[in-house]
Amino acid sequence: WEVATGKEVCSLKGHSNWVLSVALSPDGKTLASASRDNTVKLWVLSGETLVEKGTLKGHSNEVTSVAFSSDGKTLASGSIDKTVKLWDLSGETPV
């Protein structure tokens, strides 16, 4: 949303179920979204739009939260499967 006008800037579509949490990286260039489809999606800023970079799979149930580390190199995801996963984002492909 554009704060000044209240208008939608863009809508990101890619998850197959509800999105439960989103987090913006410290540098403002990557968005992470957590979903009831058991995945985390990463979106990167390309020009003035966000495009899907990839999908993080590993949880066996709904992912309810995501948070970036202060340096943006690690993403934490929490799930109803009773696990917290740490994803290394420092390389080209998250692990």
C-alpha atoms as a PDB file:
ATOM      1  CA  TRP A   1       0.000   0.000   0.000  1.00  0.00           C
ATOM      2  CA  GLU A   2       1.132   3.499  -0.734  1.00  0.00           C
ATOM      3  CA  VAL A   3       0.787   5.240   2.602  1.00  0.00           C
ATOM      4  CA  ALA A   4       0.095   8.710   1.225  1.00  0.00           C
ATOM      5  CA  THR A   5      -2.758   7.644  -1.075  1.00  0.00           C
ATOM      6  CA  GLY A   6      -3.942   4.364   0.447  1.00  0.00           C
ATOM      7  CA  LYS A   7      -3.661   2.718  -2.978  1.00  0.00           C
ATOM      8  CA  GLU A   8      -2.429  -0.832  -3.535  1.00  0.00           C
ATOM      9  CA  VAL A   9       1.068  -0.891  -5.003  1.00  0.00           C
ATOM     10  CA  CYS A  10       1.133  -4.562  -6.027  1.00  0.00           C
ATOM     11  CA  SER A  11      -0.372  -7.938  -5.190  1.00  0.00           C
ATOM     12  CA  LEU A  12       1.878 -10.990  -4.936  1.00  0.00           C
ATOM     13  CA  LYS A  13       0.372 -14.296  -6.020  1.00  0.00           C
ATOM     14  CA  GLY A  14       2.119 -17.634  -5.692  1.00  0.00           C
ATOM     15  CA  HIS A  15       0.986 -19.446  -2.561  1.00  0.00           C
ATOM     16  CA  SER A  16      -1.721 -22.100  -2.845  1.00  0.00           C
ATOM     17  CA  ASN A  17      -3.222 -21.273   0.565  1.00  0.00           C
ATOM     18  CA  TRP A  18      -3.531 -18.350   2.999  1.00  0.00           C
ATOM     19  CA  VAL A  19      -0.528 -16.181   3.750  1.00  0.00           C
ATOM     20  CA  LEU A  20      -0.076 -15.923   7.504  1.00  0.00           C
ATOM     21  CA  SER A  21       3.021 -13.747   7.862  1.00  0.00           C
ATOM     22  CA  VAL A  22       5.319 -11.475   5.855  1.00  0.00           C
ATOM     23  CA  ALA A  23       8.678  -9.866   6.652  1.00  0.00           C
ATOM     24  CA  LEU A  24      10.803  -7.346   4.810  1.00  0.00           C
ATOM     25  CA  SER A  25      14.590  -7.743   4.808  1.00  0.00           C
ATOM     26  CA  PRO A  26      16.667  -5.025   6.495  1.00  0.00           C
ATOM     27  CA  ASP A  27      17.847  -3.674   3.123  1.00  0.00           C
ATOM     28  CA  GLY A  28      14.244  -3.480   1.871  1.00  0.00           C
ATOM     29  CA  LYS A  29      14.973  -5.598  -1.209  1.00  0.00           C
ATOM     30  CA  THR A  30      13.548  -9.003  -0.210  1.00  0.00           C
ATOM     31  CA  LEU A  31      10.146  -9.963   1.137  1.00  0.00           C
ATOM     32  CA  ALA A  32       9.458 -13.344   2.745  1.00  0.00           C
ATOM     33  CA  SER A  33       5.935 -14.747   3.004  1.00  0.00           C
ATOM     34  CA  ALA A  34       4.786 -17.674   5.165  1.00  0.00           C
ATOM     35  CA  SER A  35       1.748 -19.721   4.220  1.00  0.00           C
ATOM     36  CA  ARG A  36      -0.683 -22.446   5.166  1.00  0.00           C
ATOM     37  CA  ASP A  37       0.666 -24.313   2.110  1.00  0.00           C
ATOM     38  CA  ASN A  38       3.697 -25.302   4.284  1.00  0.00           C
ATOM     39  CA  THR A  39       6.116 -23.078   2.363  1.00  0.00           C
ATOM     40  CA  VAL A  40       7.986 -19.802   2.568  1.00  0.00           C
ATOM     41  CA  LYS A  41       8.311 -17.760  -0.596  1.00  0.00           C
ATOM     42  CA  LEU A  42      11.005 -15.188  -1.258  1.00  0.00           C
ATOM     43  CA  TRP A  43      10.252 -12.146  -3.399  1.00  0.00           C
ATOM     44  CA  VAL A  44      12.942  -9.754  -4.636  1.00  0.00           C
ATOM     45  CA  LEU A  45      12.734  -6.181  -5.800  1.00  0.00           C
ATOM     46  CA  SER A  46      13.231  -5.932  -9.557  1.00  0.00           C
ATOM     47  CA  GLY A  47      12.918  -2.345 -10.692  1.00  0.00           C
ATOM     48  CA  GLU A  48       9.765  -1.148  -8.958  1.00  0.00           C
ATOM     49  CA  THR A  49       8.073  -4.553  -8.648  1.00  0.00           C
ATOM     50  CA  LEU A  50       8.598  -7.675  -6.561  1.00  0.00           C
ATOM     51  CA  VAL A  51       9.161 -10.975  -8.378  1.00  0.00           C
ATOM     52  CA  GLU A  52       9.231 -14.469  -6.914  1.00  0.00           C
ATOM     53  CA  LYS A  53      12.794 -15.654  -6.289  1.00  0.00           C
ATOM     54  CA  GLY A  54      12.066 -19.085  -4.873  1.00  0.00           C
ATOM     55  CA  THR A  55      10.198 -21.344  -2.502  1.00  0.00           C
ATOM     56  CA  LEU A  56      11.621 -22.714   0.742  1.00  0.00           C
ATOM     57  CA  LYS A  57      10.246 -26.170   1.522  1.00  0.00           C
ATOM     58  CA  GLY A  58      10.945 -28.164   4.643  1.00  0.00           C
ATOM     59  CA  HIS A  59       8.058 -27.680   7.049  1.00  0.00           C
ATOM     60  CA  SER A  60       5.483 -30.444   7.324  1.00  0.00           C
ATOM     61  CA  ASN A  61       2.652 -28.113   8.359  1.00  0.00           C
ATOM     62  CA  GLU A  62       1.547 -24.490   8.087  1.00  0.00           C
ATOM     63  CA  VAL A  63       4.283 -21.864   8.342  1.00  0.00           C
ATOM     64  CA  THR A  64       2.994 -19.191  10.697  1.00  0.00           C
ATOM     65  CA  SER A  65       5.863 -16.727  10.962  1.00  0.00           C
ATOM     66  CA  VAL A  66       8.994 -15.433   9.256  1.00  0.00           C
ATOM     67  CA  ALA A  67      11.715 -13.037  10.409  1.00  0.00           C
ATOM     68  CA  PHE A  68      15.010 -11.829   8.938  1.00  0.00           C
ATOM     69  CA  SER A  69      18.220 -11.535  10.942  1.00  0.00           C
ATOM     70  CA  SER A  70      19.570  -8.009  11.339  1.00  0.00           C
ATOM     71  CA  ASP A  71      22.123  -8.569   8.552  1.00  0.00           C
ATOM     72  CA  GLY A  72      19.517 -10.137   6.224  1.00  0.00           C
ATOM     73  CA  LYS A  73      21.600 -13.271   5.663  1.00  0.00           C
ATOM     74  CA  THR A  74      19.396 -15.619   7.676  1.00  0.00           C
ATOM     75  CA  LEU A  75      15.638 -16.133   7.642  1.00  0.00           C
ATOM     76  CA  ALA A  76      13.842 -17.862  10.498  1.00  0.00           C
ATOM     77  CA  SER A  77      10.503 -19.587   9.889  1.00  0.00           C
ATOM     78  CA  GLY A  78       8.171 -21.009  12.514  1.00  0.00           C
ATOM     79  CA  SER A  79       5.544 -23.654  11.888  1.00  0.00           C
ATOM     80  CA  ILE A  80       2.651 -25.525  13.424  1.00  0.00           C
ATOM     81  CA  ASP A  81       4.847 -28.627  12.929  1.00  0.00           C
ATOM     82  CA  LYS A  82       6.587 -27.441  16.146  1.00  0.00           C
ATOM     83  CA  THR A  83       9.834 -26.474  14.416  1.00  0.00           C
ATOM     84  CA  VAL A  84      11.768 -23.314  13.728  1.00  0.00           C
ATOM     85  CA  LYS A  85      13.966 -23.481  10.651  1.00  0.00           C
ATOM     86  CA  LEU A  86      16.892 -21.192   9.876  1.00  0.00           C
ATOM     87  CA  TRP A  87      17.549 -20.564   6.188  1.00  0.00           C
ATOM     88  CA  ASP A  88      20.935 -19.333   4.939  1.00  0.00           C
ATOM     89  CA  LEU A  89      20.205 -16.585   2.396  1.00  0.00           C
ATOM     90  CA  SER A  90      23.811 -15.494   1.893  1.00  0.00           C
ATOM     91  CA  GLY A  91      24.294 -17.568  -1.279  1.00  0.00           C
ATOM     92  CA  GLU A  92      22.514 -17.581  -4.614  1.00  0.00           C
ATOM     93  CA  THR A  93      20.237 -20.448  -3.533  1.00  0.00           C
ATOM     94  CA  PRO A  94      18.766 -20.449   0.003  1.00  0.00           C
ATOM     95  CA  VAL A  95      19.505 -23.516   2.166  1.00  0.00           C
END
